[in-house]
Amino acid sequence: MPTTVAAHLPDRFGDREQPNRGSVLTAPPFGFSPELPLRRPGGPTARPALSVPELIQSSLRRLRGLHVRLSLCRVSLRQGSDGRLTAIDDPYLIAAPARDGALIVVFIHPADVTDDVLAEQALCQRLVGAFYRQRLPLWALRYSCWHCDAAAVDEGAASFDVLLSQPPQPLRPSSLGRTA
């Protein structure tokens, strides 16, 4: 009967279960140093990462190779306002709620929309129509958007970092008629 080396080694732990020594899956990230304090990338004033809903991620993956014009939009409610942002029933809009309560919206523009001014007007018209049907007060809505081509959307979070860097502005029907 063959014997194994492990059978002859002394049991250092007795009847206790051996501790988990870690694996590749539980190892600290590359570049981690226990001497340095853990910091959020971007410093202490950086915003927390935006949780992009799975619906939006999969939609952007499908649209990335197409020659279409998009608007990535983040819609939120003003502090102290009543109401809740919910899904939008509009065939041109793909919407899903983020973890922080905002609504992430992807607007696929028609082929005749080629510049940012037309894209902004078309997006505002769609959002005003969608939120009017939900009976949300338009004065309470804030939005920030980034107009781009589908080819400019990356697989990581850089597109949403650009979206977060845009200052939020009120969504008003009076902004629909503005020109460049």
N, C-alpha and C. Protein backbone atom coordinates (compact mmCIF):
# COMPACT_ATOMS: atom_id res chain seq x y z
N MET A 1 0.85 -1.17 0.00
CA MET A 1 0.00 0.00 0.00
C MET A 1 0.89 1.23 0.00
N PRO A 2 0.71 2.11 -1.00
CA PRO A 2 1.58 3.29 -1.04
C PRO A 2 1.21 4.27 0.06
N THR A 3 2.21 4.91 0.60
CA THR A 3 1.97 5.91 1.63
C THR A 3 2.24 7.29 1.05
N THR A 4 1.55 8.26 1.58
CA THR A 4 1.75 9.63 1.13
C THR A 4 2.56 10.39 2.17
N VAL A 5 3.20 11.42 1.71
CA VAL A 5 4.01 12.24 2.60
C VAL A 5 3.11 12.95 3.61
N ALA A 6 1.92 13.36 3.19
CA ALA A 6 1.03 14.10 4.07
C ALA A 6 0.57 13.26 5.25
N ALA A 7 0.54 11.96 5.08
CA ALA A 7 0.11 11.11 6.19
C ALA A 7 1.14 11.08 7.30
N HIS A 8 2.40 11.36 6.99
CA HIS A 8 3.45 11.30 8.00
C HIS A 8 3.77 12.66 8.61
N LEU A 9 3.18 13.74 8.09
CA LEU A 9 3.45 15.06 8.64
C LEU A 9 2.64 15.27 9.92
N PRO A 10 3.20 15.95 10.89
CA PRO A 10 2.44 16.21 12.12
C PRO A 10 1.30 17.19 11.85
N ASP A 11 0.19 17.02 12.56
CA ASP A 11 -0.97 17.90 12.43
C ASP A 11 -0.79 19.05 13.40
N ARG A 12 -0.45 20.25 12.87
CA ARG A 12 -0.20 21.39 13.73
C ARG A 12 -1.48 21.99 14.29
N PHE A 13 -2.60 21.74 13.66
CA PHE A 13 -3.83 22.40 14.06
C PHE A 13 -4.74 21.49 14.87
N GLY A 14 -4.32 20.29 15.12
CA GLY A 14 -5.14 19.38 15.92
C GLY A 14 -6.44 19.06 15.19
N ASP A 15 -7.53 19.13 15.93
CA ASP A 15 -8.83 18.83 15.34
C ASP A 15 -9.46 20.05 14.66
N ARG A 16 -8.83 21.20 14.80
CA ARG A 16 -9.38 22.42 14.19
C ARG A 16 -9.23 22.37 12.67
N GLU A 17 -10.10 23.13 12.02
CA GLU A 17 -10.01 23.25 10.57
C GLU A 17 -8.85 24.17 10.23
N GLN A 18 -8.13 23.84 9.18
CA GLN A 18 -6.99 24.66 8.80
C GLN A 18 -7.49 26.02 8.32
N PRO A 19 -6.77 27.09 8.66
CA PRO A 19 -7.22 28.42 8.26
C PRO A 19 -7.13 28.61 6.75
N ASN A 20 -7.98 29.48 6.24
CA ASN A 20 -7.96 29.81 4.82
C ASN A 20 -6.75 30.70 4.57
N ARG A 21 -5.84 30.22 3.77
CA ARG A 21 -4.61 30.97 3.51
C ARG A 21 -4.74 31.91 2.32
N GLY A 22 -5.94 31.99 1.74
CA GLY A 22 -6.15 32.89 0.61
C GLY A 22 -5.90 32.20 -0.71
N SER A 23 -6.22 32.88 -1.74
CA SER A 23 -6.02 32.37 -3.08
C SER A 23 -5.84 33.56 -4.01
N VAL A 24 -5.77 33.26 -5.27
CA VAL A 24 -5.66 34.32 -6.26
C VAL A 24 -6.90 35.20 -6.21
N LEU A 25 -8.05 34.61 -5.90
CA LEU A 25 -9.30 35.36 -5.87
C LEU A 25 -9.39 36.30 -4.66
N THR A 26 -8.72 35.96 -3.57
CA THR A 26 -8.80 36.79 -2.37
C THR A 26 -7.55 37.63 -2.14
N ALA A 27 -6.61 37.60 -3.08
CA ALA A 27 -5.38 38.36 -2.92
C ALA A 27 -5.66 39.85 -3.04
N PRO A 28 -4.86 40.69 -2.38
CA PRO A 28 -5.06 42.14 -2.52
C PRO A 28 -4.76 42.58 -3.94
N PRO A 29 -5.29 43.72 -4.36
CA PRO A 29 -5.07 44.18 -5.73
C PRO A 29 -3.61 44.49 -5.99
N PHE A 30 -3.24 44.44 -7.26
CA PHE A 30 -1.86 44.73 -7.65
C PHE A 30 -1.49 46.14 -7.22
N GLY A 31 -0.33 46.30 -6.64
CA GLY A 31 0.12 47.61 -6.19
C GLY A 31 -0.30 47.93 -4.76
N PHE A 32 -1.00 47.02 -4.09
CA PHE A 32 -1.44 47.25 -2.72
C PHE A 32 -0.24 47.18 -1.79
N SER A 33 -0.15 48.11 -0.89
CA SER A 33 0.91 48.10 0.10
C SER A 33 0.28 48.30 1.47
N PRO A 34 0.54 47.40 2.43
CA PRO A 34 -0.06 47.57 3.75
C PRO A 34 0.45 48.79 4.50
N GLU A 35 1.60 49.35 4.07
CA GLU A 35 2.13 50.53 4.74
C GLU A 35 1.39 51.80 4.34
N LEU A 36 0.79 51.82 3.16
CA LEU A 36 0.11 53.01 2.67
C LEU A 36 -1.37 52.95 3.03
N PRO A 37 -1.96 54.07 3.41
CA PRO A 37 -3.39 54.05 3.71
C PRO A 37 -4.21 53.84 2.44
N LEU A 38 -5.33 53.17 2.58
CA LEU A 38 -6.22 52.97 1.44
C LEU A 38 -6.93 54.28 1.13
N ARG A 39 -6.90 54.69 -0.11
CA ARG A 39 -7.53 55.94 -0.50
C ARG A 39 -8.40 55.70 -1.71
N ARG A 40 -9.40 56.51 -1.80
CA ARG A 40 -10.27 56.46 -2.97
C ARG A 40 -9.52 57.10 -4.13
N PRO A 41 -9.55 56.48 -5.33
CA PRO A 41 -8.90 57.12 -6.48
C PRO A 41 -9.50 58.50 -6.73
N GLY A 42 -8.67 59.48 -6.92
CA GLY A 42 -9.15 60.84 -7.16
C GLY A 42 -9.12 61.70 -5.92
N GLY A 43 -8.75 61.12 -4.78
CA GLY A 43 -8.66 61.91 -3.56
C GLY A 43 -9.93 61.88 -2.73
N PRO A 44 -9.90 62.55 -1.59
CA PRO A 44 -11.04 62.48 -0.67
C PRO A 44 -12.27 63.21 -1.17
N THR A 45 -12.11 64.12 -2.13
CA THR A 45 -13.28 64.87 -2.62
C THR A 45 -13.91 64.24 -3.86
N ALA A 46 -13.38 63.11 -4.31
CA ALA A 46 -13.92 62.47 -5.51
C ALA A 46 -15.32 61.92 -5.23
N ARG A 47 -16.13 61.94 -6.26
CA ARG A 47 -17.48 61.40 -6.13
C ARG A 47 -17.43 59.88 -6.09
N PRO A 48 -18.38 59.25 -5.43
CA PRO A 48 -18.40 57.78 -5.47
C PRO A 48 -18.71 57.30 -6.89
N ALA A 49 -18.28 56.11 -7.18
CA ALA A 49 -18.49 55.56 -8.52
C ALA A 49 -19.97 55.41 -8.80
N LEU A 50 -20.34 55.70 -10.01
CA LEU A 50 -21.73 55.57 -10.43
C LEU A 50 -22.03 54.11 -10.70
N SER A 51 -23.08 53.61 -10.11
CA SER A 51 -23.46 52.24 -10.39
C SER A 51 -24.32 52.25 -11.65
N VAL A 52 -23.78 51.71 -12.71
CA VAL A 52 -24.49 51.69 -13.98
C VAL A 52 -25.37 50.45 -14.01
N PRO A 53 -26.67 50.62 -14.18
CA PRO A 53 -27.56 49.47 -14.20
C PRO A 53 -27.22 48.51 -15.34
N GLU A 54 -27.48 47.24 -15.12
CA GLU A 54 -27.15 46.20 -16.10
C GLU A 54 -27.87 46.43 -17.42
N LEU A 55 -29.12 46.93 -17.36
CA LEU A 55 -29.87 47.21 -18.58
C LEU A 55 -29.14 48.23 -19.45
N ILE A 56 -28.59 49.26 -18.82
CA ILE A 56 -27.87 50.30 -19.57
C ILE A 56 -26.56 49.74 -20.13
N GLN A 57 -25.83 48.96 -19.32
CA GLN A 57 -24.57 48.39 -19.79
C GLN A 57 -24.78 47.50 -21.00
N SER A 58 -25.78 46.62 -20.94
CA SER A 58 -26.02 45.72 -22.07
C SER A 58 -26.50 46.48 -23.29
N SER A 59 -27.31 47.52 -23.09
CA SER A 59 -27.78 48.32 -24.23
C SER A 59 -26.62 49.05 -24.90
N LEU A 60 -25.70 49.59 -24.10
CA LEU A 60 -24.55 50.29 -24.68
C LEU A 60 -23.63 49.32 -25.41
N ARG A 61 -23.49 48.09 -24.90
CA ARG A 61 -22.67 47.10 -25.60
C ARG A 61 -23.24 46.80 -26.98
N ARG A 62 -24.56 46.71 -27.07
CA ARG A 62 -25.20 46.42 -28.35
C ARG A 62 -25.08 47.60 -29.31
N LEU A 63 -25.11 48.83 -28.79
CA LEU A 63 -25.11 50.01 -29.65
C LEU A 63 -23.71 50.47 -30.04
N ARG A 64 -22.69 49.96 -29.37
CA ARG A 64 -21.35 50.52 -29.53
C ARG A 64 -20.83 50.43 -30.97
N GLY A 65 -21.13 49.39 -31.69
CA GLY A 65 -20.60 49.26 -33.04
C GLY A 65 -21.41 49.97 -34.11
N LEU A 66 -22.57 50.48 -33.76
CA LEU A 66 -23.44 51.09 -34.76
C LEU A 66 -23.08 52.56 -34.98
N HIS A 67 -23.47 53.08 -36.13
CA HIS A 67 -23.24 54.49 -36.44
C HIS A 67 -24.49 55.28 -36.06
N VAL A 68 -24.68 55.47 -34.77
CA VAL A 68 -25.83 56.22 -34.27
C VAL A 68 -25.35 57.29 -33.31
N ARG A 69 -26.15 58.31 -33.14
CA ARG A 69 -25.86 59.40 -32.20
C ARG A 69 -26.64 59.14 -30.92
N LEU A 70 -25.96 59.26 -29.78
CA LEU A 70 -26.55 58.98 -28.48
C LEU A 70 -26.47 60.20 -27.58
N SER A 71 -27.33 60.21 -26.58
CA SER A 71 -27.18 61.12 -25.45
C SER A 71 -27.24 60.26 -24.19
N LEU A 72 -26.18 60.30 -23.39
CA LEU A 72 -26.21 59.67 -22.08
C LEU A 72 -26.67 60.73 -21.10
N CYS A 73 -27.65 60.42 -20.29
CA CYS A 73 -28.27 61.43 -19.45
C CYS A 73 -28.46 60.87 -18.04
N ARG A 74 -28.28 61.73 -17.05
CA ARG A 74 -28.51 61.37 -15.65
C ARG A 74 -29.55 62.35 -15.12
N VAL A 75 -30.70 61.83 -14.72
CA VAL A 75 -31.80 62.67 -14.25
C VAL A 75 -31.99 62.41 -12.77
N SER A 76 -32.10 63.48 -11.98
CA SER A 76 -32.34 63.34 -10.54
C SER A 76 -33.35 64.39 -10.11
N LEU A 77 -33.86 64.22 -8.91
CA LEU A 77 -34.82 65.17 -8.35
C LEU A 77 -34.10 66.12 -7.41
N ARG A 78 -34.56 67.36 -7.36
CA ARG A 78 -34.00 68.36 -6.46
C ARG A 78 -34.25 67.95 -5.02
N GLN A 79 -33.34 68.34 -4.13
CA GLN A 79 -33.49 68.02 -2.71
C GLN A 79 -34.81 68.58 -2.18
N GLY A 80 -35.52 67.80 -1.41
CA GLY A 80 -36.75 68.25 -0.78
C GLY A 80 -37.99 68.13 -1.64
N SER A 81 -37.86 67.64 -2.85
CA SER A 81 -39.05 67.49 -3.70
C SER A 81 -39.65 66.11 -3.50
N ASP A 82 -40.96 66.05 -3.63
CA ASP A 82 -41.65 64.78 -3.49
C ASP A 82 -41.68 64.07 -4.84
N GLY A 83 -41.74 62.79 -4.78
CA GLY A 83 -41.86 62.02 -6.02
C GLY A 83 -40.72 61.04 -6.17
N ARG A 84 -40.87 60.17 -7.14
CA ARG A 84 -39.87 59.15 -7.39
C ARG A 84 -39.71 58.99 -8.90
N LEU A 85 -38.49 58.84 -9.33
CA LEU A 85 -38.23 58.59 -10.74
C LEU A 85 -38.45 57.11 -11.01
N THR A 86 -39.24 56.81 -12.01
CA THR A 86 -39.50 55.42 -12.38
C THR A 86 -39.14 55.22 -13.84
N ALA A 87 -39.39 54.04 -14.31
CA ALA A 87 -39.06 53.72 -15.70
C ALA A 87 -39.88 54.57 -16.65
N ILE A 88 -39.35 54.78 -17.83
CA ILE A 88 -39.98 55.63 -18.83
C ILE A 88 -40.50 54.75 -19.96
N ASP A 89 -41.75 54.97 -20.35
CA ASP A 89 -42.32 54.26 -21.50
C ASP A 89 -42.17 55.14 -22.73
N ASP A 90 -41.04 55.02 -23.39
CA ASP A 90 -40.78 55.79 -24.59
C ASP A 90 -39.86 54.94 -25.46
N PRO A 91 -40.23 54.69 -26.71
CA PRO A 91 -39.41 53.78 -27.53
C PRO A 91 -38.02 54.32 -27.84
N TYR A 92 -37.80 55.63 -27.72
CA TYR A 92 -36.48 56.19 -28.01
C TYR A 92 -35.57 56.21 -26.78
N LEU A 93 -36.12 55.99 -25.60
CA LEU A 93 -35.34 56.10 -24.37
C LEU A 93 -35.15 54.73 -23.73
N ILE A 94 -33.94 54.47 -23.27
CA ILE A 94 -33.64 53.29 -22.46
C ILE A 94 -33.31 53.84 -21.08
N ALA A 95 -34.09 53.47 -20.07
CA ALA A 95 -33.91 54.07 -18.75
C ALA A 95 -33.85 52.98 -17.69
N ALA A 96 -33.01 53.22 -16.69
CA ALA A 96 -32.91 52.31 -15.55
C ALA A 96 -32.43 53.12 -14.35
N PRO A 97 -32.93 52.80 -13.15
CA PRO A 97 -32.51 53.56 -11.97
C PRO A 97 -31.12 53.14 -11.49
N ALA A 98 -30.32 54.11 -11.08
CA ALA A 98 -29.02 53.85 -10.49
C ALA A 98 -29.19 53.65 -8.99
N ARG A 99 -28.11 53.24 -8.34
CA ARG A 99 -28.17 52.95 -6.90
C ARG A 99 -28.47 54.19 -6.07
N ASP A 100 -28.04 55.37 -6.54
CA ASP A 100 -28.23 56.59 -5.76
C ASP A 100 -29.58 57.26 -5.99
N GLY A 101 -30.48 56.61 -6.72
CA GLY A 101 -31.82 57.15 -6.93
C GLY A 101 -31.98 57.93 -8.21
N ALA A 102 -30.88 58.24 -8.88
CA ALA A 102 -30.99 58.94 -10.16
C ALA A 102 -31.46 57.97 -11.23
N LEU A 103 -31.85 58.52 -12.35
CA LEU A 103 -32.29 57.71 -13.48
C LEU A 103 -31.27 57.90 -14.59
N ILE A 104 -30.69 56.82 -15.06
CA ILE A 104 -29.74 56.87 -16.16
C ILE A 104 -30.53 56.61 -17.44
N VAL A 105 -30.41 57.52 -18.40
CA VAL A 105 -31.19 57.45 -19.62
C VAL A 105 -30.25 57.48 -20.82
N VAL A 106 -30.50 56.59 -21.76
CA VAL A 106 -29.80 56.60 -23.04
C VAL A 106 -30.83 56.95 -24.10
N PHE A 107 -30.57 58.00 -24.84
CA PHE A 107 -31.48 58.45 -25.90
C PHE A 107 -30.81 58.19 -27.24
N ILE A 108 -31.45 57.40 -28.09
CA ILE A 108 -30.95 57.12 -29.43
C ILE A 108 -31.57 58.15 -30.36
N HIS A 109 -30.76 59.02 -30.93
CA HIS A 109 -31.27 60.10 -31.76
C HIS A 109 -31.63 59.61 -33.15
N PRO A 110 -32.60 60.26 -33.79
CA PRO A 110 -32.87 59.96 -35.21
C PRO A 110 -31.67 60.34 -36.07
N ALA A 111 -31.66 59.87 -37.30
CA ALA A 111 -30.50 60.07 -38.19
C ALA A 111 -30.27 61.53 -38.54
N ASP A 112 -31.31 62.38 -38.50
CA ASP A 112 -31.13 63.77 -38.90
C ASP A 112 -30.54 64.65 -37.80
N VAL A 113 -30.37 64.13 -36.60
CA VAL A 113 -29.75 64.90 -35.50
C VAL A 113 -28.24 64.70 -35.58
N THR A 114 -27.53 65.79 -35.89
CA THR A 114 -26.09 65.67 -36.09
C THR A 114 -25.25 66.53 -35.16
N ASP A 115 -25.84 67.55 -34.52
CA ASP A 115 -25.04 68.40 -33.64
C ASP A 115 -25.64 68.40 -32.23
N ASP A 116 -24.88 68.97 -31.30
CA ASP A 116 -25.26 68.92 -29.89
C ASP A 116 -26.48 69.76 -29.56
N VAL A 117 -26.70 70.86 -30.28
CA VAL A 117 -27.86 71.72 -29.99
C VAL A 117 -29.15 71.00 -30.34
N LEU A 118 -29.18 70.38 -31.52
CA LEU A 118 -30.37 69.59 -31.89
C LEU A 118 -30.55 68.40 -30.96
N ALA A 119 -29.44 67.78 -30.56
CA ALA A 119 -29.53 66.64 -29.65
C ALA A 119 -30.11 67.06 -28.31
N GLU A 120 -29.69 68.24 -27.81
CA GLU A 120 -30.20 68.74 -26.53
C GLU A 120 -31.69 69.03 -26.61
N GLN A 121 -32.13 69.64 -27.71
CA GLN A 121 -33.55 69.95 -27.86
C GLN A 121 -34.39 68.67 -27.96
N ALA A 122 -33.91 67.71 -28.74
CA ALA A 122 -34.66 66.46 -28.89
C ALA A 122 -34.73 65.70 -27.56
N LEU A 123 -33.62 65.69 -26.82
CA LEU A 123 -33.61 65.00 -25.53
C LEU A 123 -34.55 65.67 -24.55
N CYS A 124 -34.52 67.00 -24.47
CA CYS A 124 -35.41 67.71 -23.54
C CYS A 124 -36.88 67.47 -23.88
N GLN A 125 -37.22 67.46 -25.17
CA GLN A 125 -38.60 67.20 -25.55
C GLN A 125 -39.05 65.82 -25.10
N ARG A 126 -38.20 64.82 -25.30
CA ARG A 126 -38.55 63.46 -24.89
C ARG A 126 -38.67 63.35 -23.37
N LEU A 127 -37.73 63.96 -22.64
CA LEU A 127 -37.77 63.87 -21.18
C LEU A 127 -38.98 64.61 -20.61
N VAL A 128 -39.27 65.80 -21.14
CA VAL A 128 -40.44 66.55 -20.65
C VAL A 128 -41.70 65.74 -20.89
N GLY A 129 -41.83 65.15 -22.08
CA GLY A 129 -43.01 64.33 -22.36
C GLY A 129 -43.11 63.11 -21.46
N ALA A 130 -41.98 62.45 -21.21
CA ALA A 130 -41.99 61.26 -20.37
C ALA A 130 -42.31 61.59 -18.91
N PHE A 131 -41.74 62.66 -18.39
CA PHE A 131 -41.98 63.00 -16.99
C PHE A 131 -43.32 63.69 -16.78
N TYR A 132 -43.84 64.34 -17.81
CA TYR A 132 -45.17 64.94 -17.69
C TYR A 132 -46.22 63.84 -17.52
N ARG A 133 -46.04 62.72 -18.23
CA ARG A 133 -46.97 61.59 -18.08
C ARG A 133 -46.88 60.97 -16.69
N GLN A 134 -45.73 61.08 -16.03
CA GLN A 134 -45.59 60.55 -14.67
C GLN A 134 -46.08 61.53 -13.62
N ARG A 135 -46.50 62.72 -14.04
CA ARG A 135 -46.99 63.78 -13.14
C ARG A 135 -45.93 64.22 -12.14
N LEU A 136 -44.69 64.28 -12.60
CA LEU A 136 -43.60 64.81 -11.77
C LEU A 136 -43.47 66.31 -12.05
N PRO A 137 -43.21 67.11 -11.03
CA PRO A 137 -43.04 68.55 -11.27
C PRO A 137 -41.73 68.81 -12.02
N LEU A 138 -41.84 69.50 -13.14
CA LEU A 138 -40.65 69.75 -13.95
C LEU A 138 -39.64 70.65 -13.24
N TRP A 139 -40.09 71.52 -12.33
CA TRP A 139 -39.15 72.38 -11.61
C TRP A 139 -38.23 71.58 -10.70
N ALA A 140 -38.62 70.36 -10.33
CA ALA A 140 -37.82 69.56 -9.42
C ALA A 140 -36.77 68.71 -10.14
N LEU A 141 -36.87 68.61 -11.44
CA LEU A 141 -35.97 67.73 -12.19
C LEU A 141 -34.65 68.44 -12.50
N ARG A 142 -33.56 67.70 -12.36
CA ARG A 142 -32.23 68.16 -12.73
C ARG A 142 -31.65 67.09 -13.65
N TYR A 143 -30.94 67.53 -14.67
CA TYR A 143 -30.34 66.55 -15.56
C TYR A 143 -28.97 67.02 -16.02
N SER A 144 -28.14 66.08 -16.35
CA SER A 144 -26.87 66.35 -17.00
C SER A 144 -26.74 65.33 -18.12
N CYS A 145 -26.19 65.76 -19.24
CA CYS A 145 -26.12 64.83 -20.37
C CYS A 145 -24.82 65.01 -21.13
N TRP A 146 -24.49 63.98 -21.86
CA TRP A 146 -23.31 63.95 -22.71
C TRP A 146 -23.74 63.41 -24.06
N HIS A 147 -23.57 64.22 -25.10
CA HIS A 147 -23.94 63.82 -26.45
C HIS A 147 -22.71 63.24 -27.12
N CYS A 148 -22.85 62.09 -27.77
CA CYS A 148 -21.71 61.44 -28.39
C CYS A 148 -22.20 60.49 -29.48
N ASP A 149 -21.26 59.95 -30.22
CA ASP A 149 -21.56 58.89 -31.16
C ASP A 149 -21.40 57.56 -30.43
N ALA A 150 -22.07 56.54 -30.93
CA ALA A 150 -21.99 55.23 -30.27
C ALA A 150 -20.57 54.70 -30.28
N ALA A 151 -19.77 55.09 -31.26
CA ALA A 151 -18.38 54.63 -31.32
C ALA A 151 -17.54 55.21 -30.19
N ALA A 152 -17.96 56.33 -29.59
CA ALA A 152 -17.19 56.97 -28.53
C ALA A 152 -17.43 56.34 -27.16
N VAL A 153 -18.46 55.51 -27.03
CA VAL A 153 -18.77 54.90 -25.74
C VAL A 153 -17.79 53.76 -25.51
N ASP A 154 -17.13 53.79 -24.36
CA ASP A 154 -16.16 52.74 -24.05
C ASP A 154 -16.81 51.66 -23.19
N GLU A 155 -16.06 50.58 -23.00
CA GLU A 155 -16.60 49.47 -22.22
C GLU A 155 -16.46 49.71 -20.72
N GLY A 156 -15.57 50.57 -20.32
CA GLY A 156 -15.37 50.85 -18.91
C GLY A 156 -16.30 51.92 -18.40
N ALA A 157 -15.84 52.65 -17.40
CA ALA A 157 -16.67 53.68 -16.78
C ALA A 157 -16.28 55.09 -17.21
N ALA A 158 -15.38 55.23 -18.19
CA ALA A 158 -14.93 56.57 -18.58
C ALA A 158 -16.06 57.40 -19.16
N SER A 159 -16.97 56.77 -19.91
CA SER A 159 -18.10 57.51 -20.47
C SER A 159 -18.98 58.06 -19.36
N PHE A 160 -19.16 57.30 -18.30
CA PHE A 160 -20.00 57.76 -17.20
C PHE A 160 -19.27 58.76 -16.32
N ASP A 161 -17.93 58.73 -16.31
CA ASP A 161 -17.17 59.77 -15.63
C ASP A 161 -17.36 61.12 -16.33
N VAL A 162 -17.40 61.09 -17.66
CA VAL A 162 -17.68 62.32 -18.42
C VAL A 162 -19.08 62.81 -18.10
N LEU A 163 -20.02 61.89 -18.01
CA LEU A 163 -21.40 62.25 -17.69
C LEU A 163 -21.49 62.88 -16.30
N LEU A 164 -20.77 62.32 -15.32
CA LEU A 164 -20.80 62.86 -13.96
C LEU A 164 -20.13 64.22 -13.86
N SER A 165 -19.18 64.49 -14.75
CA SER A 165 -18.49 65.78 -14.68
C SER A 165 -19.34 66.92 -15.23
N GLN A 166 -20.41 66.61 -15.94
CA GLN A 166 -21.30 67.66 -16.46
C GLN A 166 -22.13 68.23 -15.32
N PRO A 167 -22.27 69.54 -15.22
CA PRO A 167 -23.07 70.12 -14.14
C PRO A 167 -24.56 69.88 -14.38
N PRO A 168 -25.31 69.53 -13.33
CA PRO A 168 -26.75 69.34 -13.52
C PRO A 168 -27.45 70.67 -13.75
N GLN A 169 -28.47 70.64 -14.55
CA GLN A 169 -29.23 71.85 -14.86
C GLN A 169 -30.71 71.52 -14.78
N PRO A 170 -31.54 72.53 -14.58
CA PRO A 170 -32.97 72.26 -14.49
C PRO A 170 -33.55 71.87 -15.85
N LEU A 171 -34.53 71.02 -15.82
CA LEU A 171 -35.23 70.61 -17.03
C LEU A 171 -36.47 71.48 -17.15
N ARG A 172 -36.42 72.40 -18.10
CA ARG A 172 -37.53 73.35 -18.27
C ARG A 172 -38.03 73.29 -19.70
N PRO A 173 -39.34 73.38 -19.88
CA PRO A 173 -39.86 73.44 -21.25
C PRO A 173 -39.38 74.67 -21.99
N SER A 174 -39.02 75.75 -21.28
CA SER A 174 -38.56 76.97 -21.95
C SER A 174 -37.20 76.78 -22.60
N SER A 175 -36.44 75.75 -22.18
CA SER A 175 -35.12 75.52 -22.77
C SER A 175 -35.21 74.80 -24.11
N LEU A 176 -36.42 74.42 -24.52
CA LEU A 176 -36.56 73.66 -25.75
C LEU A 176 -36.32 74.52 -26.99
N GLY A 177 -36.59 75.79 -26.91
CA GLY A 177 -36.46 76.63 -28.08
C GLY A 177 -35.14 77.35 -28.20
N ARG A 178 -34.17 77.05 -27.34
CA ARG A 178 -32.92 77.81 -27.39
C ARG A 178 -32.07 77.38 -28.59
N THR A 179 -31.27 78.30 -29.06
CA THR A 179 -30.40 78.04 -30.20
C THR A 179 -28.97 78.34 -29.81
N ALA A 180 -28.05 77.91 -30.66
CA ALA A 180 -26.63 78.10 -30.34
C ALA A 180 -26.19 79.53 -30.57
